[in-house]
Amino acid sequence: MNPYDKAHELANSLRESEEYREYMRLKETAYDDSTNKALLDEYKRLQFRMQAKLASGERLPEEDMQRMQQIGTLLQFNSDVSQYLLAEFRFQRMLSDIFKILADVAGIDLDMLTHD
């Protein structure tokens, strides 16, 4: 059994999953509107910056946090966008679960990353 072949099988299985197909369908719908696209892009940039800062022990500047909250509030009231973000969360949760399974095989304790 070749692990690389199994990885490709897993990738194909993910692409065929209901979670992935729904995520991609809703992503296309959400990003079809230029205003939604601009807000989503900025929200995701701020989200990525926040995660990077947290990983390095820093905090996101207050004005960035406020901007992210403002955009998040706007996005949650847009049905297309909120459905897309929920589908993205479900797909990412599935990927996280799979990564945990792989980390367990490698003896990597992911729980220690979430504890201070």
PDB file of N, CA and C in Angstrom:
ATOM      1  N   MET A   1       0.854  -1.181   0.000  1.00  0.00           N
ATOM      2  CA  MET A   1       0.000   0.000   0.000  1.00  0.00           C
ATOM      3  C   MET A   1       0.899   1.244   0.000  1.00  0.00           C
ATOM      4  N   ASN A   2       0.702   2.100  -0.976  1.00  0.00           N
ATOM      5  CA  ASN A   2       1.482   3.319  -1.111  1.00  0.00           C
ATOM      6  C   ASN A   2       0.716   4.485  -0.466  1.00  0.00           C
ATOM      7  N   PRO A   3       1.279   5.132   0.555  1.00  0.00           N
ATOM      8  CA  PRO A   3       0.576   6.241   1.222  1.00  0.00           C
ATOM      9  C   PRO A   3       0.227   7.395   0.272  1.00  0.00           C
ATOM     10  N   TYR A   4       1.068   7.618  -0.748  1.00  0.00           N
ATOM     11  CA  TYR A   4       0.780   8.698  -1.695  1.00  0.00           C
ATOM     12  C   TYR A   4      -0.472   8.381  -2.516  1.00  0.00           C
ATOM     13  N   ASP A   5      -0.599   7.123  -2.892  1.00  0.00           N
ATOM     14  CA  ASP A   5      -1.808   6.711  -3.617  1.00  0.00           C
ATOM     15  C   ASP A   5      -3.040   6.899  -2.738  1.00  0.00           C
ATOM     16  N   LYS A   6      -2.904   6.538  -1.460  1.00  0.00           N
ATOM     17  CA  LYS A   6      -4.027   6.710  -0.528  1.00  0.00           C
ATOM     18  C   LYS A   6      -4.344   8.193  -0.328  1.00  0.00           C
ATOM     19  N   ALA A   7      -3.323   9.028  -0.323  1.00  0.00           N
ATOM     20  CA  ALA A   7      -3.548  10.473  -0.185  1.00  0.00           C
ATOM     21  C   ALA A   7      -4.340  11.005  -1.385  1.00  0.00           C
ATOM     22  N   HIS A   8      -4.000  10.511  -2.580  1.00  0.00           N
ATOM     23  CA  HIS A   8      -4.753  10.920  -3.774  1.00  0.00           C
ATOM     24  C   HIS A   8      -6.191  10.399  -3.719  1.00  0.00           C
ATOM     25  N   GLU A   9      -6.365   9.197  -3.208  1.00  0.00           N
ATOM     26  CA  GLU A   9      -7.719   8.657  -3.025  1.00  0.00           C
ATOM     27  C   GLU A   9      -8.510   9.532  -2.052  1.00  0.00           C
ATOM     28  N   LEU A  10      -7.851   9.920  -0.967  1.00  0.00           N
ATOM     29  CA  LEU A  10      -8.503  10.786   0.018  1.00  0.00           C
ATOM     30  C   LEU A  10      -8.886  12.120  -0.616  1.00  0.00           C
ATOM     31  N   ALA A  11      -7.981  12.692  -1.405  1.00  0.00           N
ATOM     32  CA  ALA A  11      -8.275  13.969  -2.080  1.00  0.00           C
ATOM     33  C   ALA A  11      -9.491  13.826  -2.997  1.00  0.00           C
ATOM     34  N   ASN A  12      -9.538  12.738  -3.741  1.00  0.00           N
ATOM     35  CA  ASN A  12     -10.694  12.505  -4.620  1.00  0.00           C
ATOM     36  C   ASN A  12     -11.968  12.316  -3.814  1.00  0.00           C
ATOM     37  N   SER A  13     -11.857  11.595  -2.709  1.00  0.00           N
ATOM     38  CA  SER A  13     -13.010  11.380  -1.842  1.00  0.00           C
ATOM     39  C   SER A  13     -13.519  12.704  -1.274  1.00  0.00           C
ATOM     40  N   LEU A  14     -12.599  13.577  -0.894  1.00  0.00           N
ATOM     41  CA  LEU A  14     -12.991  14.898  -0.389  1.00  0.00           C
ATOM     42  C   LEU A  14     -13.710  15.698  -1.467  1.00  0.00           C
ATOM     43  N   ARG A  15     -13.153  15.684  -2.688  1.00  0.00           N
ATOM     44  CA  ARG A  15     -13.777  16.415  -3.794  1.00  0.00           C
ATOM     45  C   ARG A  15     -15.174  15.911  -4.111  1.00  0.00           C
ATOM     46  N   GLU A  16     -15.416  14.641  -3.866  1.00  0.00           N
ATOM     47  CA  GLU A  16     -16.723  14.048  -4.152  1.00  0.00           C
ATOM     48  C   GLU A  16     -17.695  14.157  -2.978  1.00  0.00           C
ATOM     49  N   SER A  17     -17.209  14.610  -1.833  1.00  0.00           N
ATOM     50  CA  SER A  17     -18.067  14.679  -0.641  1.00  0.00           C
ATOM     51  C   SER A  17     -19.140  15.748  -0.789  1.00  0.00           C
ATOM     52  N   GLU A  18     -20.240  15.514  -0.101  1.00  0.00           N
ATOM     53  CA  GLU A  18     -21.337  16.476  -0.096  1.00  0.00           C
ATOM     54  C   GLU A  18     -20.870  17.808   0.498  1.00  0.00           C
ATOM     55  N   GLU A  19     -20.055  17.747   1.542  1.00  0.00           N
ATOM     56  CA  GLU A  19     -19.572  18.971   2.189  1.00  0.00           C
ATOM     57  C   GLU A  19     -18.777  19.838   1.210  1.00  0.00           C
ATOM     58  N   TYR A  20     -17.900  19.205   0.442  1.00  0.00           N
ATOM     59  CA  TYR A  20     -17.084  19.952  -0.518  1.00  0.00           C
ATOM     60  C   TYR A  20     -17.941  20.511  -1.647  1.00  0.00           C
ATOM     61  N   ARG A  21     -18.815  19.694  -2.199  1.00  0.00           N
ATOM     62  CA  ARG A  21     -19.652  20.157  -3.318  1.00  0.00           C
ATOM     63  C   ARG A  21     -20.546  21.319  -2.898  1.00  0.00           C
ATOM     64  N   GLU A  22     -21.114  21.219  -1.693  1.00  0.00           N
ATOM     65  CA  GLU A  22     -21.964  22.297  -1.186  1.00  0.00           C
ATOM     66  C   GLU A  22     -21.134  23.560  -0.935  1.00  0.00           C
ATOM     67  N   TYR A  23     -19.959  23.371  -0.357  1.00  0.00           N
ATOM     68  CA  TYR A  23     -19.050  24.497  -0.109  1.00  0.00           C
ATOM     69  C   TYR A  23     -18.697  25.216  -1.413  1.00  0.00           C
ATOM     70  N   MET A  24     -18.334  24.484  -2.443  1.00  0.00           N
ATOM     71  CA  MET A  24     -17.959  25.101  -3.718  1.00  0.00           C
ATOM     72  C   MET A  24     -19.154  25.765  -4.405  1.00  0.00           C
ATOM     73  N   ARG A  25     -20.319  25.136  -4.333  1.00  0.00           N
ATOM     74  CA  ARG A  25     -21.519  25.717  -4.942  1.00  0.00           C
ATOM     75  C   ARG A  25     -21.865  27.044  -4.275  1.00  0.00           C
ATOM     76  N   LEU A  26     -21.833  27.052  -2.940  1.00  0.00           N
ATOM     77  CA  LEU A  26     -22.174  28.265  -2.205  1.00  0.00           C
ATOM     78  C   LEU A  26     -21.086  29.330  -2.331  1.00  0.00           C
ATOM     79  N   LYS A  27     -19.853  28.906  -2.463  1.00  0.00           N
ATOM     80  CA  LYS A  27     -18.749  29.860  -2.659  1.00  0.00           C
ATOM     81  C   LYS A  27     -18.947  30.619  -3.968  1.00  0.00           C
ATOM     82  N   GLU A  28     -19.285  29.879  -5.010  1.00  0.00           N
ATOM     83  CA  GLU A  28     -19.508  30.510  -6.313  1.00  0.00           C
ATOM     84  C   GLU A  28     -20.641  31.532  -6.231  1.00  0.00           C
ATOM     85  N   THR A  29     -21.706  31.167  -5.555  1.00  0.00           N
ATOM     86  CA  THR A  29     -22.847  32.078  -5.400  1.00  0.00           C
ATOM     87  C   THR A  29     -22.457  33.314  -4.601  1.00  0.00           C
ATOM     88  N   ALA A  30     -21.750  33.108  -3.485  1.00  0.00           N
ATOM     89  CA  ALA A  30     -21.382  34.231  -2.623  1.00  0.00           C
ATOM     90  C   ALA A  30     -20.414  35.181  -3.322  1.00  0.00           C
ATOM     91  N   TYR A  31     -19.454  34.632  -4.057  1.00  0.00           N
ATOM     92  CA  TYR A  31     -18.433  35.459  -4.703  1.00  0.00           C
ATOM     93  C   TYR A  31     -18.900  36.041  -6.035  1.00  0.00           C
ATOM     94  N   ASP A  32     -20.094  35.668  -6.478  1.00  0.00           N
ATOM     95  CA  ASP A  32     -20.622  36.181  -7.745  1.00  0.00           C
ATOM     96  C   ASP A  32     -20.921  37.669  -7.669  1.00  0.00           C
ATOM     97  N   ASP A  33     -21.250  38.164  -6.490  1.00  0.00           N
ATOM     98  CA  ASP A  33     -21.558  39.579  -6.277  1.00  0.00           C
ATOM     99  C   ASP A  33     -20.269  40.313  -5.896  1.00  0.00           C
ATOM    100  N   SER A  34     -19.961  41.416  -6.577  1.00  0.00           N
ATOM    101  CA  SER A  34     -18.686  42.114  -6.355  1.00  0.00           C
ATOM    102  C   SER A  34     -18.580  42.715  -4.949  1.00  0.00           C
ATOM    103  N   THR A  35     -19.689  43.163  -4.381  1.00  0.00           N
ATOM    104  CA  THR A  35     -19.659  43.700  -3.016  1.00  0.00           C
ATOM    105  C   THR A  35     -19.376  42.579  -2.017  1.00  0.00           C
ATOM    106  N   ASN A  36     -20.071  41.472  -2.191  1.00  0.00           N
ATOM    107  CA  ASN A  36     -19.818  40.306  -1.328  1.00  0.00           C
ATOM    108  C   ASN A  36     -18.358  39.873  -1.429  1.00  0.00           C
ATOM    109  N   LYS A  37     -17.846  39.828  -2.656  1.00  0.00           N
ATOM    110  CA  LYS A  37     -16.468  39.392  -2.872  1.00  0.00           C
ATOM    111  C   LYS A  37     -15.496  40.309  -2.131  1.00  0.00           C
ATOM    112  N   ALA A  38     -15.688  41.617  -2.252  1.00  0.00           N
ATOM    113  CA  ALA A  38     -14.791  42.564  -1.593  1.00  0.00           C
ATOM    114  C   ALA A  38     -14.856  42.411  -0.072  1.00  0.00           C
ATOM    115  N   LEU A  39     -16.071  42.286   0.475  1.00  0.00           N
ATOM    116  CA  LEU A  39     -16.223  42.129   1.921  1.00  0.00           C
ATOM    117  C   LEU A  39     -15.636  40.801   2.403  1.00  0.00           C
ATOM    118  N   LEU A  40     -15.903  39.726   1.673  1.00  0.00           N
ATOM    119  CA  LEU A  40     -15.355  38.422   2.047  1.00  0.00           C
ATOM    120  C   LEU A  40     -13.832  38.421   1.996  1.00  0.00           C
ATOM    121  N   ASP A  41     -13.274  39.015   0.946  1.00  0.00           N
ATOM    122  CA  ASP A  41     -11.815  39.067   0.818  1.00  0.00           C
ATOM    123  C   ASP A  41     -11.195  39.834   1.981  1.00  0.00           C
ATOM    124  N   GLU A  42     -11.775  40.973   2.335  1.00  0.00           N
ATOM    125  CA  GLU A  42     -11.238  41.749   3.450  1.00  0.00           C
ATOM    126  C   GLU A  42     -11.411  40.999   4.772  1.00  0.00           C
ATOM    127  N   TYR A  43     -12.568  40.391   4.960  1.00  0.00           N
ATOM    128  CA  TYR A  43     -12.831  39.632   6.182  1.00  0.00           C
ATOM    129  C   TYR A  43     -11.820  38.495   6.335  1.00  0.00           C
ATOM    130  N   LYS A  44     -11.576  37.768   5.252  1.00  0.00           N
ATOM    131  CA  LYS A  44     -10.641  36.644   5.301  1.00  0.00           C
ATOM    132  C   LYS A  44      -9.203  37.132   5.517  1.00  0.00           C
ATOM    133  N   ARG A  45      -8.835  38.280   4.940  1.00  0.00           N
ATOM    134  CA  ARG A  45      -7.504  38.849   5.181  1.00  0.00           C
ATOM    135  C   ARG A  45      -7.323  39.179   6.654  1.00  0.00           C
ATOM    136  N   LEU A  46      -8.326  39.838   7.226  1.00  0.00           N
ATOM    137  CA  LEU A  46      -8.269  40.193   8.646  1.00  0.00           C
ATOM    138  C   LEU A  46      -8.252  38.943   9.519  1.00  0.00           C
ATOM    139  N   GLN A  47      -9.041  37.958   9.154  1.00  0.00           N
ATOM    140  CA  GLN A  47      -9.096  36.702   9.903  1.00  0.00           C
ATOM    141  C   GLN A  47      -7.733  36.010   9.873  1.00  0.00           C
ATOM    142  N   PHE A  48      -7.101  35.961   8.717  1.00  0.00           N
ATOM    143  CA  PHE A  48      -5.792  35.334   8.588  1.00  0.00           C
ATOM    144  C   PHE A  48      -4.758  36.093   9.417  1.00  0.00           C
ATOM    145  N   ARG A  49      -4.804  37.429   9.349  1.00  0.00           N
ATOM    146  CA  ARG A  49      -3.873  38.245  10.127  1.00  0.00           C
ATOM    147  C   ARG A  49      -4.055  38.006  11.621  1.00  0.00           C
ATOM    148  N   MET A  50      -5.321  37.905  12.053  1.00  0.00           N
ATOM    149  CA  MET A  50      -5.605  37.659  13.460  1.00  0.00           C
ATOM    150  C   MET A  50      -5.042  36.300  13.887  1.00  0.00           C
ATOM    151  N   GLN A  51      -5.254  35.276  13.082  1.00  0.00           N
ATOM    152  CA  GLN A  51      -4.751  33.946  13.414  1.00  0.00           C
ATOM    153  C   GLN A  51      -3.226  33.929  13.473  1.00  0.00           C
ATOM    154  N   ALA A  52      -2.582  34.624  12.549  1.00  0.00           N
ATOM    155  CA  ALA A  52      -1.117  34.688  12.548  1.00  0.00           C
ATOM    156  C   ALA A  52      -0.604  35.409  13.788  1.00  0.00           C
ATOM    157  N   LYS A  53      -1.265  36.492  14.160  1.00  0.00           N
ATOM    158  CA  LYS A  53      -0.861  37.241  15.360  1.00  0.00           C
ATOM    159  C   LYS A  53      -1.054  36.389  16.610  1.00  0.00           C
ATOM    160  N   LEU A  54      -2.191  35.720  16.702  1.00  0.00           N
ATOM    161  CA  LEU A  54      -2.454  34.865  17.858  1.00  0.00           C
ATOM    162  C   LEU A  54      -1.422  33.748  17.964  1.00  0.00           C
ATOM    163  N   ALA A  55      -1.051  33.180  16.827  1.00  0.00           N
ATOM    164  CA  ALA A  55      -0.067  32.103  16.820  1.00  0.00           C
ATOM    165  C   ALA A  55       1.291  32.588  17.312  1.00  0.00           C
ATOM    166  N   SER A  56       1.571  33.862  17.094  1.00  0.00           N
ATOM    167  CA  SER A  56       2.857  34.409  17.541  1.00  0.00           C
ATOM    168  C   SER A  56       2.746  35.088  18.905  1.00  0.00           C
ATOM    169  N   GLY A  57       1.576  34.967  19.538  1.00  0.00           N
ATOM    170  CA  GLY A  57       1.402  35.519  20.878  1.00  0.00           C
ATOM    171  C   GLY A  57       1.030  36.988  20.911  1.00  0.00           C
ATOM    172  N   GLU A  58       0.728  37.549  19.760  1.00  0.00           N
ATOM    173  CA  GLU A  58       0.353  38.967  19.678  1.00  0.00           C
ATOM    174  C   GLU A  58      -1.159  39.093  19.568  1.00  0.00           C
ATOM    175  N   ARG A  59      -1.603  40.332  19.671  1.00  0.00           N
ATOM    176  CA  ARG A  59      -3.029  40.628  19.475  1.00  0.00           C
ATOM    177  C   ARG A  59      -3.194  41.468  18.216  1.00  0.00           C
ATOM    178  N   LEU A  60      -4.325  41.275  17.553  1.00  0.00           N
ATOM    179  CA  LEU A  60      -4.660  42.089  16.391  1.00  0.00           C
ATOM    180  C   LEU A  60      -4.976  43.493  16.884  1.00  0.00           C
ATOM    181  N   PRO A  61      -4.509  44.528  16.171  1.00  0.00           N
ATOM    182  CA  PRO A  61      -4.841  45.897  16.596  1.00  0.00           C
ATOM    183  C   PRO A  61      -6.354  46.081  16.751  1.00  0.00           C
ATOM    184  N   GLU A  62      -6.734  46.881  17.714  1.00  0.00           N
ATOM    185  CA  GLU A  62      -8.150  47.087  18.039  1.00  0.00           C
ATOM    186  C   GLU A  62      -8.966  47.532  16.821  1.00  0.00           C
ATOM    187  N   GLU A  63      -8.402  48.415  15.998  1.00  0.00           N
ATOM    188  CA  GLU A  63      -9.159  48.891  14.825  1.00  0.00           C
ATOM    189  C   GLU A  63      -9.399  47.763  13.823  1.00  0.00           C
ATOM    190  N   ASP A  64      -8.448  46.834  13.711  1.00  0.00           N
ATOM    191  CA  ASP A  64      -8.657  45.679  12.839  1.00  0.00           C
ATOM    192  C   ASP A  64      -9.729  44.751  13.413  1.00  0.00           C
ATOM    193  N   MET A  65      -9.719  44.574  14.723  1.00  0.00           N
ATOM    194  CA  MET A  65     -10.743  43.739  15.371  1.00  0.00           C
ATOM    195  C   MET A  65     -12.130  44.346  15.146  1.00  0.00           C
ATOM    196  N   GLN A  66     -12.233  45.655  15.309  1.00  0.00           N
ATOM    197  CA  GLN A  66     -13.522  46.312  15.108  1.00  0.00           C
ATOM    198  C   GLN A  66     -13.974  46.198  13.661  1.00  0.00           C
ATOM    199  N   ARG A  67     -13.039  46.375  12.730  1.00  0.00           N
ATOM    200  CA  ARG A  67     -13.376  46.273  11.305  1.00  0.00           C
ATOM    201  C   ARG A  67     -13.847  44.855  10.979  1.00  0.00           C
ATOM    202  N   MET A  68     -13.166  43.870  11.530  1.00  0.00           N
ATOM    203  CA  MET A  68     -13.548  42.482  11.301  1.00  0.00           C
ATOM    204  C   MET A  68     -14.948  42.209  11.850  1.00  0.00           C
ATOM    205  N   GLN A  69     -15.253  42.728  13.027  1.00  0.00           N
ATOM    206  CA  GLN A  69     -16.585  42.548  13.611  1.00  0.00           C
ATOM    207  C   GLN A  69     -17.650  43.247  12.777  1.00  0.00           C
ATOM    208  N   GLN A  70     -17.337  44.441  12.277  1.00  0.00           N
ATOM    209  CA  GLN A  70     -18.294  45.173  11.443  1.00  0.00           C
ATOM    210  C   GLN A  70     -18.599  44.398  10.160  1.00  0.00           C
ATOM    211  N   ILE A  71     -17.549  43.919   9.521  1.00  0.00           N
ATOM    212  CA  ILE A  71     -17.733  43.161   8.278  1.00  0.00           C
ATOM    213  C   ILE A  71     -18.489  41.860   8.577  1.00  0.00           C
ATOM    214  N   GLY A  72     -18.121  41.194   9.663  1.00  0.00           N
ATOM    215  CA  GLY A  72     -18.808  39.963  10.051  1.00  0.00           C
ATOM    216  C   GLY A  72     -20.296  40.182  10.247  1.00  0.00           C
ATOM    217  N   THR A  73     -20.642  41.299  10.865  1.00  0.00           N
ATOM    218  CA  THR A  73     -22.055  41.624  11.076  1.00  0.00           C
ATOM    219  C   THR A  73     -22.759  41.825   9.739  1.00  0.00           C
ATOM    220  N   LEU A  74     -22.121  42.560   8.831  1.00  0.00           N
ATOM    221  CA  LEU A  74     -22.710  42.759   7.506  1.00  0.00           C
ATOM    222  C   LEU A  74     -22.892  41.430   6.778  1.00  0.00           C
ATOM    223  N   LEU A  75     -21.883  40.581   6.850  1.00  0.00           N
ATOM    224  CA  LEU A  75     -21.919  39.322   6.119  1.00  0.00           C
ATOM    225  C   LEU A  75     -22.977  38.368   6.658  1.00  0.00           C
ATOM    226  N   GLN A  76     -23.191  38.377   7.965  1.00  0.00           N
ATOM    227  CA  GLN A  76     -24.151  37.428   8.533  1.00  0.00           C
ATOM    228  C   GLN A  76     -25.578  37.720   8.100  1.00  0.00           C
ATOM    229  N   PHE A  77     -25.849  38.945   7.692  1.00  0.00           N
ATOM    230  CA  PHE A  77     -27.203  39.289   7.251  1.00  0.00           C
ATOM    231  C   PHE A  77     -27.421  39.046   5.762  1.00  0.00           C
ATOM    232  N   ASN A  78     -26.374  38.594   5.077  1.00  0.00           N
ATOM    233  CA  ASN A  78     -26.487  38.255   3.670  1.00  0.00           C
ATOM    234  C   ASN A  78     -26.636  36.739   3.585  1.00  0.00           C
ATOM    235  N   SER A  79     -27.772  36.281   3.142  1.00  0.00           N
ATOM    236  CA  SER A  79     -28.086  34.851   3.122  1.00  0.00           C
ATOM    237  C   SER A  79     -27.064  34.038   2.323  1.00  0.00           C
ATOM    238  N   ASP A  80     -26.707  34.516   1.126  1.00  0.00           N
ATOM    239  CA  ASP A  80     -25.750  33.780   0.295  1.00  0.00           C
ATOM    240  C   ASP A  80     -24.410  33.631   1.001  1.00  0.00           C
ATOM    241  N   VAL A  81     -23.953  34.710   1.616  1.00  0.00           N
ATOM    242  CA  VAL A  81     -22.651  34.709   2.272  1.00  0.00           C
ATOM    243  C   VAL A  81     -22.682  33.884   3.552  1.00  0.00           C
ATOM    244  N   SER A  82     -23.722  34.037   4.354  1.00  0.00           N
ATOM    245  CA  SER A  82     -23.769  33.288   5.612  1.00  0.00           C
ATOM    246  C   SER A  82     -23.871  31.784   5.346  1.00  0.00           C
ATOM    247  N   GLN A  83     -24.602  31.389   4.315  1.00  0.00           N
ATOM    248  CA  GLN A  83     -24.673  29.966   3.959  1.00  0.00           C
ATOM    249  C   GLN A  83     -23.311  29.460   3.494  1.00  0.00           C
ATOM    250  N   TYR A  84     -22.607  30.276   2.711  1.00  0.00           N
ATOM    251  CA  TYR A  84     -21.267  29.908   2.250  1.00  0.00           C
ATOM    252  C   TYR A  84     -20.317  29.753   3.433  1.00  0.00           C
ATOM    253  N   LEU A  85     -20.301  30.716   4.350  1.00  0.00           N
ATOM    254  CA  LEU A  85     -19.400  30.644   5.495  1.00  0.00           C
ATOM    255  C   LEU A  85     -19.694  29.435   6.375  1.00  0.00           C
ATOM    256  N   LEU A  86     -20.964  29.090   6.512  1.00  0.00           N
ATOM    257  CA  LEU A  86     -21.329  27.900   7.282  1.00  0.00           C
ATOM    258  C   LEU A  86     -20.845  26.630   6.571  1.00  0.00           C
ATOM    259  N   ALA A  87     -20.996  26.574   5.258  1.00  0.00           N
ATOM    260  CA  ALA A  87     -20.514  25.421   4.489  1.00  0.00           C
ATOM    261  C   ALA A  87     -18.991  25.338   4.558  1.00  0.00           C
ATOM    262  N   GLU A  88     -18.321  26.480   4.526  1.00  0.00           N
ATOM    263  CA  GLU A  88     -16.868  26.501   4.647  1.00  0.00           C
ATOM    264  C   GLU A  88     -16.443  25.959   6.017  1.00  0.00           C
ATOM    265  N   PHE A  89     -17.152  26.372   7.051  1.00  0.00           N
ATOM    266  CA  PHE A  89     -16.858  25.882   8.397  1.00  0.00           C
ATOM    267  C   PHE A  89     -17.018  24.371   8.477  1.00  0.00           C
ATOM    268  N   ARG A  90     -18.105  23.830   7.907  1.00  0.00           N
ATOM    269  CA  ARG A  90     -18.342  22.387   7.945  1.00  0.00           C
ATOM    270  C   ARG A  90     -17.230  21.629   7.211  1.00  0.00           C
ATOM    271  N   PHE A  91     -16.815  22.153   6.055  1.00  0.00           N
ATOM    272  CA  PHE A  91     -15.762  21.499   5.294  1.00  0.00           C
ATOM    273  C   PHE A  91     -14.427  21.584   6.049  1.00  0.00           C
ATOM    274  N   GLN A  92     -14.123  22.723   6.629  1.00  0.00           N
ATOM    275  CA  GLN A  92     -12.887  22.870   7.391  1.00  0.00           C
ATOM    276  C   GLN A  92     -12.885  21.970   8.624  1.00  0.00           C
ATOM    277  N   ARG A  93     -14.039  21.800   9.239  1.00  0.00           N
ATOM    278  CA  ARG A  93     -14.131  20.899  10.393  1.00  0.00           C
ATOM    279  C   ARG A  93     -13.820  19.468   9.967  1.00  0.00           C
ATOM    280  N   MET A  94     -14.320  19.065   8.803  1.00  0.00           N
ATOM    281  CA  MET A  94     -14.028  17.733   8.297  1.00  0.00           C
ATOM    282  C   MET A  94     -12.526  17.594   8.046  1.00  0.00           C
ATOM    283  N   LEU A  95     -11.904  18.600   7.433  1.00  0.00           N
ATOM    284  CA  LEU A  95     -10.461  18.559   7.198  1.00  0.00           C
ATOM    285  C   LEU A  95      -9.691  18.492   8.519  1.00  0.00           C
ATOM    286  N   SER A  96     -10.146  19.226   9.495  1.00  0.00           N
ATOM    287  CA  SER A  96      -9.508  19.218  10.814  1.00  0.00           C
ATOM    288  C   SER A  96      -9.601  17.832  11.454  1.00  0.00           C
ATOM    289  N   ASP A  97     -10.752  17.206  11.339  1.00  0.00           N
ATOM    290  CA  ASP A  97     -10.927  15.856  11.885  1.00  0.00           C
ATOM    291  C   ASP A  97      -9.974  14.872  11.202  1.00  0.00           C
ATOM    292  N   ILE A  98      -9.837  14.997   9.888  1.00  0.00           N
ATOM    293  CA  ILE A  98      -8.938  14.116   9.141  1.00  0.00           C
ATOM    294  C   ILE A  98      -7.490  14.376   9.549  1.00  0.00           C
ATOM    295  N   PHE A  99      -7.133  15.647   9.706  1.00  0.00           N
ATOM    296  CA  PHE A  99      -5.770  15.962  10.132  1.00  0.00           C
ATOM    297  C   PHE A  99      -5.486  15.395  11.513  1.00  0.00           C
ATOM    298  N   LYS A 100      -6.476  15.427  12.396  1.00  0.00           N
ATOM    299  CA  LYS A 100      -6.295  14.867  13.737  1.00  0.00           C
ATOM    300  C   LYS A 100      -6.036  13.364  13.653  1.00  0.00           C
ATOM    301  N   ILE A 101      -6.751  12.677  12.790  1.00  0.00           N
ATOM    302  CA  ILE A 101      -6.529  11.239  12.605  1.00  0.00           C
ATOM    303  C   ILE A 101      -5.092  10.990  12.147  1.00  0.00           C
ATOM    304  N   LEU A 102      -4.624  11.783  11.187  1.00  0.00           N
ATOM    305  CA  LEU A 102      -3.259  11.624  10.688  1.00  0.00           C
ATOM    306  C   LEU A 102      -2.230  12.004  11.749  1.00  0.00           C
ATOM    307  N   ALA A 103      -2.506  13.049  12.513  1.00  0.00           N
ATOM    308  CA  ALA A 103      -1.586  13.470  13.572  1.00  0.00           C
ATOM    309  C   ALA A 103      -1.479  12.392  14.642  1.00  0.00           C
ATOM    310  N   ASP A 104      -2.589  11.742  14.953  1.00  0.00           N
ATOM    311  CA  ASP A 104      -2.567  10.657  15.943  1.00  0.00           C
ATOM    312  C   ASP A 104      -1.629   9.533  15.495  1.00  0.00           C
ATOM    313  N   VAL A 105      -1.670   9.178  14.203  1.00  0.00           N
ATOM    314  CA  VAL A 105      -0.804   8.138  13.672  1.00  0.00           C
ATOM    315  C   VAL A 105       0.666   8.545  13.825  1.00  0.00           C
ATOM    316  N   ALA A 106       0.933   9.838  13.643  1.00  0.00           N
ATOM    317  CA  ALA A 106       2.312  10.326  13.723  1.00  0.00           C
ATOM    318  C   ALA A 106       2.743  10.612  15.157  1.00  0.00           C
ATOM    319  N   GLY A 107       1.825  10.471  16.097  1.00  0.00           N
ATOM    320  CA  GLY A 107       2.162  10.729  17.490  1.00  0.00           C
ATOM    321  C   GLY A 107       2.226  12.199  17.829  1.00  0.00           C
ATOM    322  N   ILE A 108       1.548  13.014  17.052  1.00  0.00           N
ATOM    323  CA  ILE A 108       1.519  14.454  17.289  1.00  0.00           C
ATOM    324  C   ILE A 108       0.299  14.786  18.140  1.00  0.00           C
ATOM    325  N   ASP A 109       0.536  15.382  19.302  1.00  0.00           N
ATOM    326  CA  ASP A 109      -0.547  15.742  20.207  1.00  0.00           C
ATOM    327  C   ASP A 109      -1.033  17.150  19.885  1.00  0.00           C
ATOM    328  N   LEU A 110      -2.108  17.241  19.117  1.00  0.00           N
ATOM    329  CA  LEU A 110      -2.636  18.543  18.738  1.00  0.00           C
ATOM    330  C   LEU A 110      -3.311  19.260  19.909  1.00  0.00           C
ATOM    331  N   ASP A 111      -3.761  18.498  20.913  1.00  0.00           N
ATOM    332  CA  ASP A 111      -4.414  19.121  22.062  1.00  0.00           C
ATOM    333  C   ASP A 111      -3.467  20.056  22.822  1.00  0.00           C
ATOM    334  N   MET A 112      -2.187  19.740  22.801  1.00  0.00           N
ATOM    335  CA  MET A 112      -1.238  20.584  23.530  1.00  0.00           C
ATOM    336  C   MET A 112      -1.134  21.973  22.900  1.00  0.00           C
ATOM    337  N   LEU A 113      -1.509  22.111  21.633  1.00  0.00           N
ATOM    338  CA  LEU A 113      -1.462  23.406  20.978  1.00  0.00           C
ATOM    339  C   LEU A 113      -2.564  24.341  21.448  1.00  0.00           C
ATOM    340  N   THR A 114      -3.617  23.778  22.030  1.00  0.00           N
ATOM    341  CA  THR A 114      -4.752  24.605  22.447  1.00  0.00           C
ATOM    342  C   THR A 114      -4.725  24.915  23.928  1.00  0.00           C
ATOM    343  N   HIS A 115      -3.759  24.409  24.665  1.00  0.00           N
ATOM    344  CA  HIS A 115      -3.661  24.656  26.107  1.00  0.00           C
ATOM    345  C   HIS A 115      -2.501  25.589  26.399  1.00  0.00           C
ATOM    346  N   ASP A 116      -2.720  26.490  27.361  1.00  0.00           N
ATOM    347  CA  ASP A 116      -1.643  27.410  27.760  1.00  0.00           C
ATOM    348  C   ASP A 116      -0.745  26.772  28.776  1.00  0.00           C
TER     349      ASP A 116
END
